[in-house]
């Protein structure tokens, strides 16, 4: 083999390795490392409880879901510590804590904020990013409700200011698999695909799908999920989407 052929073979091999690396890590990990994660609507069920805890399940039924976020400062392209990450979500049957008297099939009277009906706190929690910019929650996979596809709400607070608001989604294929499992199948009358969700379409939900999800035990999704996502934020930004969650 001559030198030119050897050079082409070397370049092709490096390209193949890079492609395999991209596939293994996931494009979402690479592209969101230093790119702002799109913001979304806060929704009507935010409450400033500031419950600092990693396990937010409170024995709520549903498929356990270990979820890790890595928060990056897009202005420096590096992990950011001491960011307060606040998440809240519906349970497997589409019910939010503090709103358990509202039927999951009922659309809230206001899309901006709903008055609580009780003092329950399940599936709400706060964690502070460590030196690696990471936080981890143990939750359950969310169920669908009132014409919404499954999603998790997130806010990021820096030095008392809410800098980011997002709704995080899942691939349709995963949502469909979950809808066939207990207890999710007790709630689902008609599966709602992402593209059927008005808020998903309006807020560019394709850009906030959690793609990196695997079986918790490495074998079967039905035994639990393990998910990771990078959240890119601008720490100098003050979110206009944080209508009731703004930390001032």
Protein backbone atom coordinates (compact mmCIF):
# COMPACT_ATOMS: atom_id res chain seq x y z
CA UNK A 1 0.00 0.00 0.00
CA UNK A 2 1.42 3.40 -1.01
CA UNK A 3 1.60 6.42 1.33
CA UNK A 4 -1.42 8.17 -0.24
CA UNK A 5 -3.62 5.13 0.18
CA UNK A 6 -2.45 4.75 3.76
CA UNK A 7 -3.33 8.39 4.45
CA UNK A 8 -6.84 7.95 3.08
CA UNK A 9 -7.29 4.81 5.17
CA UNK A 10 -6.15 6.67 8.29
CA UNK A 11 -8.59 9.55 7.66
CA UNK A 12 -11.46 7.12 7.01
CA UNK A 13 -10.67 5.25 10.24
CA UNK A 14 -10.65 8.47 12.30
CA UNK A 15 -13.95 9.54 10.73
CA UNK A 16 -15.49 6.18 11.57
CA UNK A 17 -14.32 6.43 15.18
CA UNK A 18 -15.77 9.95 15.45
CA UNK A 19 -19.11 8.78 14.01
CA UNK A 20 -19.22 5.87 16.45
CA UNK A 21 -18.40 8.24 19.30
CA UNK A 22 -21.23 10.58 18.27
CA UNK A 23 -23.64 7.67 18.13
CA UNK A 24 -22.53 6.34 21.50
CA UNK A 25 -22.72 9.67 23.32
CA UNK A 26 -25.83 10.87 21.51
CA UNK A 27 -26.09 13.97 19.37
CA UNK A 28 -28.13 15.72 22.06
CA UNK A 29 -25.17 15.56 24.47
CA UNK A 30 -22.75 17.10 21.98
CA UNK A 31 -25.02 19.79 20.60
CA UNK A 32 -26.32 21.00 23.96
CA UNK A 33 -22.98 21.25 25.70
CA UNK A 34 -22.66 24.95 24.87
CA UNK A 35 -26.03 25.73 23.32
CA UNK A 36 -28.91 27.38 25.15
CA UNK A 37 -31.69 24.94 25.94
CA UNK A 38 -34.95 26.46 24.63
CA UNK A 39 -37.28 27.87 27.25
CA UNK A 40 -40.87 26.76 27.66
CA UNK A 41 -44.05 27.68 29.46
CA UNK A 42 -44.05 27.56 33.27
CA UNK A 43 -47.57 26.11 33.39
CA UNK A 44 -50.31 26.56 36.01
CA UNK A 45 -49.02 24.15 38.66
CA UNK A 46 -45.75 25.70 39.85
CA UNK A 47 -45.48 26.31 43.61
CA UNK A 48 -42.40 27.74 45.39
CA UNK A 49 -42.10 25.00 48.01
CA UNK A 50 -38.28 24.75 47.74
CA UNK A 51 -38.25 21.12 48.92
CA UNK A 52 -34.54 20.27 48.90
CA UNK A 53 -34.45 16.53 48.23
CA UNK A 54 -33.29 14.06 45.62
CA UNK A 55 -36.04 11.44 45.95
CA UNK A 56 -39.30 13.22 45.19
CA UNK A 57 -41.59 10.18 44.80
CA UNK A 58 -43.23 10.03 48.24
CA UNK A 59 -44.21 6.43 47.37
CA UNK A 60 -46.26 7.63 44.42
CA UNK A 61 -47.02 4.73 42.03
CA UNK A 62 -45.28 4.69 38.70
CA UNK A 63 -42.18 3.46 36.96
CA UNK A 64 -39.11 4.68 38.86
CA UNK A 65 -37.05 7.14 36.91
CA UNK A 66 -33.50 8.14 37.91
CA UNK A 67 -32.86 11.47 36.21
CA UNK A 68 -29.56 13.36 36.05
CA UNK A 69 -29.07 16.91 34.75
CA UNK A 70 -25.76 18.48 33.89
CA UNK A 71 -26.06 22.28 33.84
CA UNK A 72 -23.66 24.19 31.62
CA UNK A 73 -22.91 27.91 31.38
CA UNK A 74 -23.25 28.62 27.66
CA UNK A 75 -21.21 31.84 27.98
CA UNK A 76 -18.18 29.83 29.16
CA UNK A 77 -19.00 26.40 27.77
CA UNK A 78 -18.35 24.70 31.10
CA UNK A 79 -20.31 23.07 33.94
CA UNK A 80 -21.91 25.47 36.42
CA UNK A 81 -22.10 24.79 40.15
CA UNK A 82 -24.49 26.20 42.76
CA UNK A 83 -27.44 26.39 40.37
CA UNK A 84 -30.76 25.60 42.02
CA UNK A 85 -32.71 23.14 39.87
CA UNK A 86 -36.42 22.97 40.65
CA UNK A 87 -38.58 20.26 39.03
CA UNK A 88 -42.26 19.31 39.28
CA UNK A 89 -44.47 16.92 37.35
CA UNK A 90 -47.64 14.84 37.22
CA UNK A 91 -47.76 11.31 38.57
CA UNK A 92 -48.48 8.21 36.50
CA UNK A 93 -52.20 9.02 36.39
CA UNK A 94 -51.74 12.66 35.40
CA UNK A 95 -52.23 14.23 38.86
CA UNK A 96 -50.10 17.04 40.32
CA UNK A 97 -49.52 17.36 44.05
CA UNK A 98 -51.35 20.30 45.66
CA UNK A 99 -53.97 19.88 42.91
CA UNK A 100 -55.26 16.38 43.65
CA UNK A 101 -58.90 17.54 43.64
CA UNK A 102 -58.56 18.58 40.00
CA UNK A 103 -59.42 15.82 37.55
CA UNK A 104 -56.56 14.94 35.16
CA UNK A 105 -59.07 15.15 32.31
CA UNK A 106 -59.96 18.75 33.15
CA UNK A 107 -58.16 21.67 31.55
CA UNK A 108 -57.19 24.34 34.14
CA UNK A 109 -59.26 27.53 34.09
CA UNK A 110 -56.05 29.50 33.74
CA UNK A 111 -52.96 28.42 31.82
CA UNK A 112 -50.91 30.88 33.89
CA UNK A 113 -51.59 29.71 37.43
CA UNK A 114 -54.12 27.56 39.29
CA UNK A 115 -55.01 27.89 42.96
CA UNK A 116 -53.94 24.83 45.01
CA UNK A 117 -56.62 22.47 46.29
CA UNK A 118 -54.57 20.80 49.05
CA UNK A 119 -51.10 20.64 50.66
CA UNK A 120 -49.67 17.47 49.11
CA UNK A 121 -46.08 17.73 47.82
CA UNK A 122 -45.27 14.57 45.84
CA UNK A 123 -43.13 14.82 42.70
CA UNK A 124 -41.74 18.24 43.54
CA UNK A 125 -38.15 18.88 44.56
CA UNK A 126 -35.03 21.02 44.43
CA UNK A 127 -31.34 20.14 44.13
CA UNK A 128 -28.19 22.31 43.92
CA UNK A 129 -25.63 21.53 41.20
CA UNK A 130 -22.27 20.22 42.43
CA UNK A 131 -18.78 21.11 41.18
CA UNK A 132 -19.49 19.12 38.02
CA UNK A 133 -22.70 21.03 37.40
CA UNK A 134 -24.77 17.94 38.14
CA UNK A 135 -27.94 17.16 40.07
CA UNK A 136 -29.83 13.89 40.32
CA UNK A 137 -33.46 13.13 41.10
CA UNK A 138 -35.34 9.91 41.72
CA UNK A 139 -38.85 10.31 40.40
CA UNK A 140 -41.41 8.36 38.35
CA UNK A 141 -42.10 8.56 34.65
CA UNK A 142 -44.89 11.16 34.26
CA UNK A 143 -48.32 10.30 32.92
CA UNK A 144 -50.34 12.26 30.40
CA UNK A 145 -53.26 14.50 31.30
CA UNK A 146 -55.75 16.94 29.74
CA UNK A 147 -54.43 16.89 26.18
CA UNK A 148 -50.78 17.08 27.29
CA UNK A 149 -48.06 14.66 26.28
CA UNK A 150 -45.87 13.38 29.20
CA UNK A 151 -43.41 16.03 30.39
CA UNK A 152 -41.40 17.32 33.34
CA UNK A 153 -41.17 20.99 34.34
CA UNK A 154 -37.82 22.53 35.23
CA UNK A 155 -36.58 25.88 36.50
CA UNK A 156 -32.99 27.00 37.08
CA UNK A 157 -32.24 29.70 39.66
CA UNK A 158 -28.91 31.53 39.98
CA UNK A 159 -28.22 33.85 42.91
CA UNK A 160 -31.92 34.24 43.62
CA UNK A 161 -32.96 34.92 40.03
CA UNK A 162 -34.85 32.48 37.81
CA UNK A 163 -32.71 32.29 34.69
CA UNK A 164 -34.39 29.41 32.88
CA UNK A 165 -37.79 27.74 32.55
CA UNK A 166 -38.31 24.58 30.49
CA UNK A 167 -40.61 21.67 29.84
CA UNK A 168 -38.79 18.43 29.08
CA UNK A 169 -40.32 15.74 26.89
CA UNK A 170 -39.80 12.17 25.72
CA UNK A 171 -39.77 10.37 22.40
CA UNK A 172 -43.15 9.13 21.17
CA UNK A 173 -41.87 5.57 21.06
CA UNK A 174 -41.08 5.66 24.79
CA UNK A 175 -44.39 7.34 25.66
CA UNK A 176 -46.23 4.60 23.77
CA UNK A 177 -44.39 1.84 25.62
CA UNK A 178 -45.09 3.46 28.99
CA UNK A 179 -48.79 3.86 28.16
CA UNK A 180 -49.10 0.07 27.96
CA UNK A 181 -47.69 -0.51 31.45
CA UNK A 182 -49.42 -0.45 34.83
CA UNK A 183 -50.46 2.01 36.24
CA UNK A 184 -50.22 4.24 33.14
CA UNK A 185 -52.67 2.18 31.12
CA UNK A 186 -55.35 2.85 33.76
CA UNK A 187 -55.34 6.50 32.73
CA UNK A 188 -54.74 6.47 28.99
CA UNK A 189 -57.90 6.47 26.88
CA UNK A 190 -56.19 7.90 23.83
CA UNK A 191 -52.44 8.25 23.57
CA UNK A 192 -51.35 11.83 22.92
CA UNK A 193 -48.41 12.13 20.59
CA UNK A 194 -45.96 15.00 20.99
CA UNK A 195 -47.07 16.62 17.75
CA UNK A 196 -50.68 16.64 19.03
CA UNK A 197 -49.68 18.74 22.04
CA UNK A 198 -50.14 22.46 21.33
CA UNK A 199 -47.57 23.57 23.92
CA UNK A 200 -45.01 21.07 22.61
CA UNK A 201 -45.44 22.47 19.09
CA UNK A 202 -45.44 26.11 20.16
CA UNK A 203 -42.37 25.87 22.43
CA UNK A 204 -40.16 23.84 20.07
CA UNK A 205 -40.50 20.74 22.21
CA UNK A 206 -38.37 18.70 19.81
CA UNK A 207 -35.35 20.59 21.19
CA UNK A 208 -36.09 19.64 24.82
CA UNK A 209 -36.68 15.90 24.46
CA UNK A 210 -34.66 13.77 26.88
CA UNK A 211 -33.09 11.35 24.43
CA UNK A 212 -30.55 9.63 26.65
CA UNK A 213 -32.81 7.18 28.48
CA UNK A 214 -31.90 3.57 29.24
CA UNK A 215 -33.17 0.74 31.46
CA UNK A 216 -32.22 1.32 35.08
CA UNK A 217 -30.96 -2.24 35.40
CA UNK A 218 -29.45 -2.26 31.92
CA UNK A 219 -31.99 -4.79 30.66
CA UNK A 220 -35.70 -3.90 30.71
CA UNK A 221 -37.42 -0.50 30.67
CA UNK A 222 -40.31 -2.00 32.63
CA UNK A 223 -37.97 -2.28 35.65
CA UNK A 224 -37.17 1.43 35.71
CA UNK A 225 -35.50 4.15 33.70
CA UNK A 226 -32.20 5.98 33.87
CA UNK A 227 -32.05 9.32 32.03
CA UNK A 228 -29.52 12.11 31.50
CA UNK A 229 -29.72 15.52 29.86
CA UNK A 230 -27.50 18.59 29.55
CA UNK A 231 -29.26 21.87 30.29
CA UNK A 232 -27.54 24.91 28.77
CA UNK A 233 -28.32 28.17 30.57
CA UNK A 234 -27.26 31.80 30.42
CA UNK A 235 -26.63 32.78 34.08
CA UNK A 236 -27.07 36.49 33.32
CA UNK A 237 -30.52 35.98 31.81
CA UNK A 238 -33.74 36.66 33.74
CA UNK A 239 -36.51 34.43 32.46
CA UNK A 240 -39.71 36.13 31.38
CA UNK A 241 -41.42 32.70 31.47
CA UNK A 242 -41.19 32.47 35.27
CA UNK A 243 -44.50 34.11 36.05
CA UNK A 244 -44.92 32.63 39.54
CA UNK A 245 -41.60 30.85 39.96
CA UNK A 246 -39.32 33.86 39.69
CA UNK A 247 -36.93 33.94 42.66
CA UNK A 248 -36.56 37.63 43.51
